[in-house]
């Protein structure tokens, strides 16, 4: 029987049966390679960069990727001060390199990704977990302040663009393909009567950017996708969720009756960052408890 290891250090965007074109069904079944189906989700030998990896969502995803076998490059404005995260990743049998960087600045984003590439000799995965701030900039659409507009777009859109460009260059140079995962929001496709103009514009742009990058980088075997959660319970949204009227209205629109936990993102992230998503690119997956199904 043929042996096949799916969790190789090089991304394999082919189906495991791509080269089997036999007419006899029984013969085909007999020649099918032995597959550990869950091995598709393993990341052994790969290096994952998590931009914003010390935040509420980013930290959880850093640990998940490490648990699946990846070495982790963590980018953040004060990443080097999070030795507890480095130790937690070591406890999972992996290792981390923490790099201080403001990824809204090109020179910082380039330097940080280059540092990970130099440390480990490769970049295979990028997860963009910097963003948010919606609750700190609520203004009427007709009078949205320009400086606040710039701040929210920098925090959500520029912070996604710059590390992605740096990581994509490293992936192209490495010749092994790669995975890029953006974190968008249901607000990229749904308006909300709460003064969110800049935030929804940024997330909508991330959705469009996901499709464009996927189209351009497919020839390099780089898959680009996004997840679009509704509210995730992190310290960043505590103020909004502390408003009982807001929270009550939000939960009434979510069929599953709750906001997301960071754990709710892990399955989708491992899928998009692994060989399990070999034939998936340019997609935005909503993780919203059914919210968009009702709109």
C-alpha atoms as a PDB file:
ATOM      1  CA  UNK A   1       0.000   0.000   0.000  1.00  0.00           C
ATOM      2  CA  UNK A   2       1.260   3.488  -0.786  1.00  0.00           C
ATOM      3  CA  UNK A   3       2.214   5.694   2.121  1.00  0.00           C
ATOM      4  CA  UNK A   4       1.352   9.387   2.067  1.00  0.00           C
ATOM      5  CA  UNK A   5       2.253  12.079   4.586  1.00  0.00           C
ATOM      6  CA  UNK A   6       0.036  15.126   4.102  1.00  0.00           C
ATOM      7  CA  UNK A   7       1.615  17.347   6.725  1.00  0.00           C
ATOM      8  CA  UNK A   8       4.763  17.965   4.720  1.00  0.00           C
ATOM      9  CA  UNK A   9       6.714  21.211   5.087  1.00  0.00           C
ATOM     10  CA  UNK A  10       5.645  22.186   1.548  1.00  0.00           C
ATOM     11  CA  UNK A  11       2.018  23.109   0.961  1.00  0.00           C
ATOM     12  CA  UNK A  12       0.336  20.558  -1.312  1.00  0.00           C
ATOM     13  CA  UNK A  13      -2.543  22.111  -3.228  1.00  0.00           C
ATOM     14  CA  UNK A  14      -3.334  18.887  -5.080  1.00  0.00           C
ATOM     15  CA  UNK A  15      -6.025  16.371  -4.254  1.00  0.00           C
ATOM     16  CA  UNK A  16      -4.664  13.090  -2.914  1.00  0.00           C
ATOM     17  CA  UNK A  17      -6.440  11.308  -5.802  1.00  0.00           C
ATOM     18  CA  UNK A  18      -5.482  13.761  -8.539  1.00  0.00           C
ATOM     19  CA  UNK A  19      -3.247  11.286 -10.394  1.00  0.00           C
ATOM     20  CA  UNK A  20      -5.572   8.283 -10.083  1.00  0.00           C
ATOM     21  CA  UNK A  21      -7.709   7.887 -13.215  1.00  0.00           C
ATOM     22  CA  UNK A  22      -8.628   4.200 -13.075  1.00  0.00           C
ATOM     23  CA  UNK A  23     -11.988   2.953 -14.347  1.00  0.00           C
ATOM     24  CA  UNK A  24     -12.285   0.008 -12.047  1.00  0.00           C
ATOM     25  CA  UNK A  25     -13.751   1.280  -8.793  1.00  0.00           C
ATOM     26  CA  UNK A  26     -12.512  -1.669  -6.755  1.00  0.00           C
ATOM     27  CA  UNK A  27      -8.998  -1.280  -8.124  1.00  0.00           C
ATOM     28  CA  UNK A  28      -9.056   2.427  -7.389  1.00  0.00           C
ATOM     29  CA  UNK A  29     -10.174   1.769  -3.835  1.00  0.00           C
ATOM     30  CA  UNK A  30      -7.416  -0.827  -3.392  1.00  0.00           C
ATOM     31  CA  UNK A  31      -4.722   1.591  -4.618  1.00  0.00           C
ATOM     32  CA  UNK A  32      -5.879   4.559  -2.576  1.00  0.00           C
ATOM     33  CA  UNK A  33      -3.097   5.681  -0.226  1.00  0.00           C
ATOM     34  CA  UNK A  34      -3.478   5.193   3.497  1.00  0.00           C
ATOM     35  CA  UNK A  35      -4.393   8.603   4.903  1.00  0.00           C
ATOM     36  CA  UNK A  36      -4.593   9.886   8.439  1.00  0.00           C
ATOM     37  CA  UNK A  37      -7.373  12.333   7.707  1.00  0.00           C
ATOM     38  CA  UNK A  38      -6.577  14.590  10.657  1.00  0.00           C
ATOM     39  CA  UNK A  39      -2.972  14.877   9.438  1.00  0.00           C
ATOM     40  CA  UNK A  40      -4.318  17.356   6.879  1.00  0.00           C
ATOM     41  CA  UNK A  41      -4.600  19.848   9.720  1.00  0.00           C
ATOM     42  CA  UNK A  42      -1.054  19.369  11.053  1.00  0.00           C
ATOM     43  CA  UNK A  43       1.507  22.142  10.591  1.00  0.00           C
ATOM     44  CA  UNK A  44       4.709  20.316  11.500  1.00  0.00           C
ATOM     45  CA  UNK A  45       7.793  21.901   9.958  1.00  0.00           C
ATOM     46  CA  UNK A  46       6.015  25.132   9.120  1.00  0.00           C
ATOM     47  CA  UNK A  47       6.434  28.656  10.419  1.00  0.00           C
ATOM     48  CA  UNK A  48       3.391  30.770  11.197  1.00  0.00           C
ATOM     49  CA  UNK A  49       3.570  34.531  11.701  1.00  0.00           C
ATOM     50  CA  UNK A  50       0.759  35.916  13.835  1.00  0.00           C
ATOM     51  CA  UNK A  51       0.520  39.680  13.554  1.00  0.00           C
ATOM     52  CA  UNK A  52      -1.136  40.943  16.718  1.00  0.00           C
ATOM     53  CA  UNK A  53      -0.284  37.643  18.360  1.00  0.00           C
ATOM     54  CA  UNK A  54      -0.353  39.015  21.892  1.00  0.00           C
ATOM     55  CA  UNK A  55      -3.945  40.300  21.720  1.00  0.00           C
ATOM     56  CA  UNK A  56      -7.030  38.445  22.868  1.00  0.00           C
ATOM     57  CA  UNK A  57      -7.667  36.718  19.541  1.00  0.00           C
ATOM     58  CA  UNK A  58      -4.045  36.595  18.369  1.00  0.00           C
ATOM     59  CA  UNK A  59      -2.765  34.905  21.520  1.00  0.00           C
ATOM     60  CA  UNK A  60      -5.365  32.124  21.274  1.00  0.00           C
ATOM     61  CA  UNK A  61      -4.549  31.548  17.613  1.00  0.00           C
ATOM     62  CA  UNK A  62      -0.805  31.540  18.295  1.00  0.00           C
ATOM     63  CA  UNK A  63      -1.327  28.748  20.803  1.00  0.00           C
ATOM     64  CA  UNK A  64      -3.585  26.820  18.425  1.00  0.00           C
ATOM     65  CA  UNK A  65      -1.091  26.978  15.568  1.00  0.00           C
ATOM     66  CA  UNK A  66       1.733  25.942  17.903  1.00  0.00           C
ATOM     67  CA  UNK A  67      -0.370  23.045  19.148  1.00  0.00           C
ATOM     68  CA  UNK A  68      -0.732  21.880  15.538  1.00  0.00           C
ATOM     69  CA  UNK A  69       3.048  21.803  15.170  1.00  0.00           C
ATOM     70  CA  UNK A  70       4.034  25.202  13.756  1.00  0.00           C
ATOM     71  CA  UNK A  71       6.806  27.403  15.064  1.00  0.00           C
ATOM     72  CA  UNK A  72       5.381  30.841  15.766  1.00  0.00           C
ATOM     73  CA  UNK A  73       6.551  34.342  14.970  1.00  0.00           C
ATOM     74  CA  UNK A  74       4.593  36.806  17.094  1.00  0.00           C
ATOM     75  CA  UNK A  75       4.402  40.453  16.026  1.00  0.00           C
ATOM     76  CA  UNK A  76       3.102  43.215  18.281  1.00  0.00           C
ATOM     77  CA  UNK A  77       3.950  46.666  19.562  1.00  0.00           C
ATOM     78  CA  UNK A  78       5.234  45.166  22.820  1.00  0.00           C
ATOM     79  CA  UNK A  79       5.519  41.511  21.843  1.00  0.00           C
ATOM     80  CA  UNK A  80       8.887  41.001  23.530  1.00  0.00           C
ATOM     81  CA  UNK A  81       7.273  41.710  26.895  1.00  0.00           C
ATOM     82  CA  UNK A  82       5.052  38.641  26.640  1.00  0.00           C
ATOM     83  CA  UNK A  83       7.410  35.972  27.896  1.00  0.00           C
ATOM     84  CA  UNK A  84       4.413  34.104  29.299  1.00  0.00           C
ATOM     85  CA  UNK A  85       3.198  33.479  25.742  1.00  0.00           C
ATOM     86  CA  UNK A  86       6.633  32.277  24.687  1.00  0.00           C
ATOM     87  CA  UNK A  87       6.661  29.846  27.616  1.00  0.00           C
ATOM     88  CA  UNK A  88       3.121  28.652  26.886  1.00  0.00           C
ATOM     89  CA  UNK A  89       4.124  27.862  23.300  1.00  0.00           C
ATOM     90  CA  UNK A  90       7.224  26.029  24.556  1.00  0.00           C
ATOM     91  CA  UNK A  91       4.981  23.958  26.842  1.00  0.00           C
ATOM     92  CA  UNK A  92       3.149  22.812  23.712  1.00  0.00           C
ATOM     93  CA  UNK A  93       6.403  21.462  22.296  1.00  0.00           C
ATOM     94  CA  UNK A  94       6.984  24.307  19.869  1.00  0.00           C
ATOM     95  CA  UNK A  95       8.912  27.573  19.949  1.00  0.00           C
ATOM     96  CA  UNK A  96       8.216  31.242  19.380  1.00  0.00           C
ATOM     97  CA  UNK A  97      10.119  34.327  18.312  1.00  0.00           C
ATOM     98  CA  UNK A  98       8.551  37.558  19.565  1.00  0.00           C
ATOM     99  CA  UNK A  99       9.259  40.727  17.599  1.00  0.00           C
ATOM    100  CA  UNK A 100       8.240  44.245  18.566  1.00  0.00           C
ATOM    101  CA  UNK A 101       6.610  46.006  15.622  1.00  0.00           C
ATOM    102  CA  UNK A 102       3.968  48.569  14.763  1.00  0.00           C
ATOM    103  CA  UNK A 103       2.568  46.886  11.661  1.00  0.00           C
ATOM    104  CA  UNK A 104       0.846  50.086  10.519  1.00  0.00           C
ATOM    105  CA  UNK A 105       4.378  51.248   9.576  1.00  0.00           C
ATOM    106  CA  UNK A 106       5.939  49.656   6.497  1.00  0.00           C
ATOM    107  CA  UNK A 107       9.474  49.659   7.867  1.00  0.00           C
ATOM    108  CA  UNK A 108       8.329  47.877  11.036  1.00  0.00           C
ATOM    109  CA  UNK A 109       6.246  45.298   9.173  1.00  0.00           C
ATOM    110  CA  UNK A 110       9.087  44.525   6.751  1.00  0.00           C
ATOM    111  CA  UNK A 111      11.692  44.331   9.512  1.00  0.00           C
ATOM    112  CA  UNK A 112       9.553  42.068  11.690  1.00  0.00           C
ATOM    113  CA  UNK A 113       8.652  39.569   8.969  1.00  0.00           C
ATOM    114  CA  UNK A 114      12.264  39.549   7.773  1.00  0.00           C
ATOM    115  CA  UNK A 115      13.376  38.787  11.336  1.00  0.00           C
ATOM    116  CA  UNK A 116      11.108  35.725  11.479  1.00  0.00           C
ATOM    117  CA  UNK A 117      12.285  34.598   8.054  1.00  0.00           C
ATOM    118  CA  UNK A 118      15.930  34.952   9.077  1.00  0.00           C
ATOM    119  CA  UNK A 119      15.357  33.158  12.394  1.00  0.00           C
ATOM    120  CA  UNK A 120      13.602  30.121  10.934  1.00  0.00           C
ATOM    121  CA  UNK A 121      14.589  30.224   7.269  1.00  0.00           C
ATOM    122  CA  UNK A 122      11.027  30.340   6.004  1.00  0.00           C
ATOM    123  CA  UNK A 123       7.567  31.875   6.349  1.00  0.00           C
ATOM    124  CA  UNK A 124       4.672  29.544   5.510  1.00  0.00           C
ATOM    125  CA  UNK A 125       1.642  31.090   7.188  1.00  0.00           C
ATOM    126  CA  UNK A 126       0.490  34.596   8.068  1.00  0.00           C
ATOM    127  CA  UNK A 127      -2.481  35.350  10.295  1.00  0.00           C
ATOM    128  CA  UNK A 128      -3.462  39.016  10.574  1.00  0.00           C
ATOM    129  CA  UNK A 129      -4.999  39.521  14.016  1.00  0.00           C
ATOM    130  CA  UNK A 130      -4.473  43.276  14.408  1.00  0.00           C
ATOM    131  CA  UNK A 131      -7.630  45.361  14.287  1.00  0.00           C
ATOM    132  CA  UNK A 132     -10.726  46.499  16.109  1.00  0.00           C
ATOM    133  CA  UNK A 133     -11.287  49.856  17.752  1.00  0.00           C
ATOM    134  CA  UNK A 134     -14.827  50.190  16.446  1.00  0.00           C
ATOM    135  CA  UNK A 135     -16.272  51.046  19.831  1.00  0.00           C
ATOM    136  CA  UNK A 136     -13.753  53.861  20.297  1.00  0.00           C
ATOM    137  CA  UNK A 137     -14.823  55.781  17.195  1.00  0.00           C
ATOM    138  CA  UNK A 138     -18.601  56.005  16.895  1.00  0.00           C
ATOM    139  CA  UNK A 139     -19.748  59.032  14.890  1.00  0.00           C
ATOM    140  CA  UNK A 140     -22.621  59.884  12.535  1.00  0.00           C
ATOM    141  CA  UNK A 141     -21.826  58.990   8.927  1.00  0.00           C
ATOM    142  CA  UNK A 142     -22.407  62.570   7.769  1.00  0.00           C
ATOM    143  CA  UNK A 143     -19.844  64.034  10.156  1.00  0.00           C
ATOM    144  CA  UNK A 144     -17.313  61.268  10.682  1.00  0.00           C
ATOM    145  CA  UNK A 145     -14.030  62.982  11.701  1.00  0.00           C
ATOM    146  CA  UNK A 146     -11.219  62.587   9.190  1.00  0.00           C
ATOM    147  CA  UNK A 147      -8.571  61.897  11.822  1.00  0.00           C
ATOM    148  CA  UNK A 148     -10.670  59.123  13.361  1.00  0.00           C
ATOM    149  CA  UNK A 149     -11.353  57.710   9.900  1.00  0.00           C
ATOM    150  CA  UNK A 150      -7.612  57.521   9.253  1.00  0.00           C
ATOM    151  CA  UNK A 151      -6.935  55.954  12.651  1.00  0.00           C
ATOM    152  CA  UNK A 152      -9.497  53.164  12.249  1.00  0.00           C
ATOM    153  CA  UNK A 153      -8.459  52.389   8.664  1.00  0.00           C
ATOM    154  CA  UNK A 154      -4.795  52.275   9.692  1.00  0.00           C
ATOM    155  CA  UNK A 155      -5.595  49.974  12.608  1.00  0.00           C
ATOM    156  CA  UNK A 156      -7.650  47.566  10.508  1.00  0.00           C
ATOM    157  CA  UNK A 157      -6.681  47.870   6.845  1.00  0.00           C
ATOM    158  CA  UNK A 158      -3.112  49.161   6.712  1.00  0.00           C
ATOM    159  CA  UNK A 159      -2.173  46.735   9.500  1.00  0.00           C
ATOM    160  CA  UNK A 160      -3.413  43.929   7.258  1.00  0.00           C
ATOM    161  CA  UNK A 161      -1.838  45.112   4.020  1.00  0.00           C
ATOM    162  CA  UNK A 162       1.742  45.751   5.165  1.00  0.00           C
ATOM    163  CA  UNK A 163       2.647  42.464   6.912  1.00  0.00           C
ATOM    164  CA  UNK A 164       0.848  40.566   4.167  1.00  0.00           C
ATOM    165  CA  UNK A 165       3.017  42.123   1.480  1.00  0.00           C
ATOM    166  CA  UNK A 166       6.167  41.309   3.457  1.00  0.00           C
ATOM    167  CA  UNK A 167       5.066  37.724   4.145  1.00  0.00           C
ATOM    168  CA  UNK A 168       3.996  37.143   0.541  1.00  0.00           C
ATOM    169  CA  UNK A 169       7.420  38.231  -0.701  1.00  0.00           C
ATOM    170  CA  UNK A 170       9.036  35.729   1.658  1.00  0.00           C
ATOM    171  CA  UNK A 171       6.664  32.955   0.554  1.00  0.00           C
ATOM    172  CA  UNK A 172       7.271  33.679  -3.147  1.00  0.00           C
ATOM    173  CA  UNK A 173      11.036  33.710  -2.625  1.00  0.00           C
ATOM    174  CA  UNK A 174      10.835  30.450  -0.672  1.00  0.00           C
ATOM    175  CA  UNK A 175       8.991  28.701  -3.489  1.00  0.00           C
ATOM    176  CA  UNK A 176       6.933  26.518  -1.132  1.00  0.00           C
ATOM    177  CA  UNK A 177       3.585  28.272  -1.379  1.00  0.00           C
ATOM    178  CA  UNK A 178       1.805  29.443   1.734  1.00  0.00           C
ATOM    179  CA  UNK A 179      -1.352  30.461   3.534  1.00  0.00           C
ATOM    180  CA  UNK A 180      -2.552  33.963   4.380  1.00  0.00           C
ATOM    181  CA  UNK A 181      -5.535  34.428   6.673  1.00  0.00           C
ATOM    182  CA  UNK A 182      -7.097  37.818   7.312  1.00  0.00           C
ATOM    183  CA  UNK A 183      -9.515  38.506  10.160  1.00  0.00           C
ATOM    184  CA  UNK A 184     -12.405  40.491   8.802  1.00  0.00           C
ATOM    185  CA  UNK A 185     -15.826  40.933  10.416  1.00  0.00           C
ATOM    186  CA  UNK A 186     -19.483  40.435   9.648  1.00  0.00           C
ATOM    187  CA  UNK A 187     -19.440  44.250   9.476  1.00  0.00           C
ATOM    188  CA  UNK A 188     -17.596  43.905   6.188  1.00  0.00           C
ATOM    189  CA  UNK A 189     -20.944  42.963   4.667  1.00  0.00           C
ATOM    190  CA  UNK A 190     -23.526  44.310   7.116  1.00  0.00           C
ATOM    191  CA  UNK A 191     -24.177  47.856   8.222  1.00  0.00           C
ATOM    192  CA  UNK A 192     -25.095  48.669  11.806  1.00  0.00           C
ATOM    193  CA  UNK A 193     -26.879  51.732  13.172  1.00  0.00           C
ATOM    194  CA  UNK A 194     -24.095  52.540  15.634  1.00  0.00           C
ATOM    195  CA  UNK A 195     -21.723  54.980  13.877  1.00  0.00           C
ATOM    196  CA  UNK A 196     -19.331  52.352  12.492  1.00  0.00           C
ATOM    197  CA  UNK A 197     -18.553  54.001   9.119  1.00  0.00           C
ATOM    198  CA  UNK A 198     -14.753  53.671   9.218  1.00  0.00           C
ATOM    199  CA  UNK A 199     -14.779  50.176  10.684  1.00  0.00           C
ATOM    200  CA  UNK A 200     -17.225  48.728   8.151  1.00  0.00           C
ATOM    201  CA  UNK A 201     -15.302  50.418   5.335  1.00  0.00           C
ATOM    202  CA  UNK A 202     -12.046  48.846   6.517  1.00  0.00           C
ATOM    203  CA  UNK A 203     -13.510  45.369   6.895  1.00  0.00           C
ATOM    204  CA  UNK A 204     -15.285  45.583   3.542  1.00  0.00           C
ATOM    205  CA  UNK A 205     -11.955  46.527   1.972  1.00  0.00           C
ATOM    206  CA  UNK A 206     -10.295  43.522   3.643  1.00  0.00           C
ATOM    207  CA  UNK A 207     -12.874  41.250   2.013  1.00  0.00           C
ATOM    208  CA  UNK A 208     -12.112  42.739  -1.408  1.00  0.00           C
ATOM    209  CA  UNK A 209      -8.363  42.566  -0.748  1.00  0.00           C
ATOM    210  CA  UNK A 210      -8.695  38.886   0.172  1.00  0.00           C
ATOM    211  CA  UNK A 211     -10.187  38.081  -3.225  1.00  0.00           C
ATOM    212  CA  UNK A 212      -7.648  40.193  -5.103  1.00  0.00           C
ATOM    213  CA  UNK A 213      -4.598  38.757  -3.345  1.00  0.00           C
ATOM    214  CA  UNK A 214      -5.955  35.228  -3.795  1.00  0.00           C
ATOM    215  CA  UNK A 215      -6.290  35.851  -7.512  1.00  0.00           C
ATOM    216  CA  UNK A 216      -2.812  37.318  -7.953  1.00  0.00           C
ATOM    217  CA  UNK A 217      -0.909  34.872  -5.742  1.00  0.00           C
ATOM    218  CA  UNK A 218      -2.571  31.611  -6.805  1.00  0.00           C
ATOM    219  CA  UNK A 219       0.239  31.092  -9.331  1.00  0.00           C
ATOM    220  CA  UNK A 220       2.639  30.998  -6.366  1.00  0.00           C
ATOM    221  CA  UNK A 221       0.502  28.398  -4.508  1.00  0.00           C
ATOM    222  CA  UNK A 222      -0.362  31.013  -1.867  1.00  0.00           C
ATOM    223  CA  UNK A 223      -3.943  30.658  -0.682  1.00  0.00           C
ATOM    224  CA  UNK A 224      -5.552  33.780   0.787  1.00  0.00           C
ATOM    225  CA  UNK A 225      -8.767  33.611   2.800  1.00  0.00           C
ATOM    226  CA  UNK A 226     -10.518  35.470   5.615  1.00  0.00           C
ATOM    227  CA  UNK A 227     -12.716  34.712   8.560  1.00  0.00           C
ATOM    228  CA  UNK A 228     -15.446  37.176   9.472  1.00  0.00           C
ATOM    229  CA  UNK A 229     -16.591  36.785  13.074  1.00  0.00           C
ATOM    230  CA  UNK A 230     -19.298  38.673  14.866  1.00  0.00           C
ATOM    231  CA  UNK A 231     -18.362  40.069  18.288  1.00  0.00           C
ATOM    232  CA  UNK A 232     -15.709  37.950  20.016  1.00  0.00           C
ATOM    233  CA  UNK A 233     -15.495  38.157  23.794  1.00  0.00           C
ATOM    234  CA  UNK A 234     -12.140  39.876  24.349  1.00  0.00           C
ATOM    235  CA  UNK A 235     -11.121  42.846  26.513  1.00  0.00           C
ATOM    236  CA  UNK A 236     -11.285  45.060  23.418  1.00  0.00           C
ATOM    237  CA  UNK A 237     -15.093  44.846  23.190  1.00  0.00           C
ATOM    238  CA  UNK A 238     -15.863  44.900  26.901  1.00  0.00           C
ATOM    239  CA  UNK A 239     -17.146  48.477  26.728  1.00  0.00           C
ATOM    240  CA  UNK A 240     -19.657  47.724  23.988  1.00  0.00           C
ATOM    241  CA  UNK A 241     -20.829  44.485  25.578  1.00  0.00           C
ATOM    242  CA  UNK A 242     -21.176  46.219  28.958  1.00  0.00           C
ATOM    243  CA  UNK A 243     -24.012  48.258  27.430  1.00  0.00           C
ATOM    244  CA  UNK A 244     -26.940  45.987  28.326  1.00  0.00           C
ATOM    245  CA  UNK A 245     -29.244  47.436  25.679  1.00  0.00           C
ATOM    246  CA  UNK A 246     -26.609  46.948  22.971  1.00  0.00           C
ATOM    247  CA  UNK A 247     -25.824  43.425  24.119  1.00  0.00           C
ATOM    248  CA  UNK A 248     -29.493  42.464  24.354  1.00  0.00           C
ATOM    249  CA  UNK A 249     -30.135  43.694  20.821  1.00  0.00           C
ATOM    250  CA  UNK A 250     -27.039  41.911  19.519  1.00  0.00           C
ATOM    251  CA  UNK A 251     -27.907  38.564  21.090  1.00  0.00           C
ATOM    252  CA  UNK A 252     -31.464  38.823  19.779  1.00  0.00           C
ATOM    253  CA  UNK A 253     -30.060  38.838  16.241  1.00  0.00           C
ATOM    254  CA  UNK A 254     -27.758  35.820  16.754  1.00  0.00           C
ATOM    255  CA  UNK A 255     -29.684  32.531  16.449  1.00  0.00           C
ATOM    256  CA  UNK A 256     -27.204  30.687  18.681  1.00  0.00           C
ATOM    257  CA  UNK A 257     -27.880  33.305  21.355  1.00  0.00           C
ATOM    258  CA  UNK A 258     -24.341  34.285  22.347  1.00  0.00           C
ATOM    259  CA  UNK A 259     -21.259  36.146  21.181  1.00  0.00           C
ATOM    260  CA  UNK A 260     -18.200  34.183  20.081  1.00  0.00           C
ATOM    261  CA  UNK A 261     -15.354  33.037  22.307  1.00  0.00           C
ATOM    262  CA  UNK A 262     -11.811  32.959  20.955  1.00  0.00           C
ATOM    263  CA  UNK A 263     -12.069  29.147  20.937  1.00  0.00           C
ATOM    264  CA  UNK A 264     -14.825  29.450  18.333  1.00  0.00           C
ATOM    265  CA  UNK A 265     -12.285  30.702  15.778  1.00  0.00           C
ATOM    266  CA  UNK A 266      -9.731  27.924  16.160  1.00  0.00           C
ATOM    267  CA  UNK A 267     -11.271  25.260  13.910  1.00  0.00           C
ATOM    268  CA  UNK A 268     -11.656  27.590  10.957  1.00  0.00           C
ATOM    269  CA  UNK A 269      -8.157  29.001  11.427  1.00  0.00           C
ATOM    270  CA  UNK A 270      -6.530  25.557  11.444  1.00  0.00           C
ATOM    271  CA  UNK A 271      -8.503  24.652   8.331  1.00  0.00           C
ATOM    272  CA  UNK A 272      -7.437  27.733   6.390  1.00  0.00           C
ATOM    273  CA  UNK A 273      -3.800  27.511   7.510  1.00  0.00           C
ATOM    274  CA  UNK A 274      -3.293  23.848   6.631  1.00  0.00           C
ATOM    275  CA  UNK A 275      -3.440  21.378   3.746  1.00  0.00           C
ATOM    276  CA  UNK A 276      -7.100  20.810   4.610  1.00  0.00           C
ATOM    277  CA  UNK A 277      -7.918  23.964   2.621  1.00  0.00           C
ATOM    278  CA  UNK A 278      -5.737  23.092  -0.388  1.00  0.00           C
ATOM    279  CA  UNK A 279      -8.494  23.942  -2.911  1.00  0.00           C
ATOM    280  CA  UNK A 280      -9.922  26.953  -1.067  1.00  0.00           C
ATOM    281  CA  UNK A 281      -8.798  30.506  -1.800  1.00  0.00           C
ATOM    282  CA  UNK A 282     -10.399  33.924  -2.023  1.00  0.00           C
ATOM    283  CA  UNK A 283     -13.140  33.015   0.461  1.00  0.00           C
ATOM    284  CA  UNK A 284     -14.604  34.867   3.453  1.00  0.00           C
ATOM    285  CA  UNK A 285     -16.100  32.554   6.070  1.00  0.00           C
ATOM    286  CA  UNK A 286     -18.522  34.118   8.531  1.00  0.00           C
ATOM    287  CA  UNK A 287     -18.289  32.841  12.113  1.00  0.00           C
ATOM    288  CA  UNK A 288     -21.339  34.505  13.531  1.00  0.00           C
ATOM    289  CA  UNK A 289     -23.678  32.068  15.257  1.00  0.00           C
ATOM    290  CA  UNK A 290     -26.109  32.424  12.350  1.00  0.00           C
ATOM    291  CA  UNK A 291     -26.321  36.231  12.385  1.00  0.00           C
ATOM    292  CA  UNK A 292     -25.892  36.770   8.644  1.00  0.00           C
ATOM    293  CA  UNK A 293     -28.329  33.936   7.887  1.00  0.00           C
ATOM    294  CA  UNK A 294     -31.102  36.118   9.304  1.00  0.00           C
ATOM    295  CA  UNK A 295     -30.246  39.326   7.439  1.00  0.00           C
END
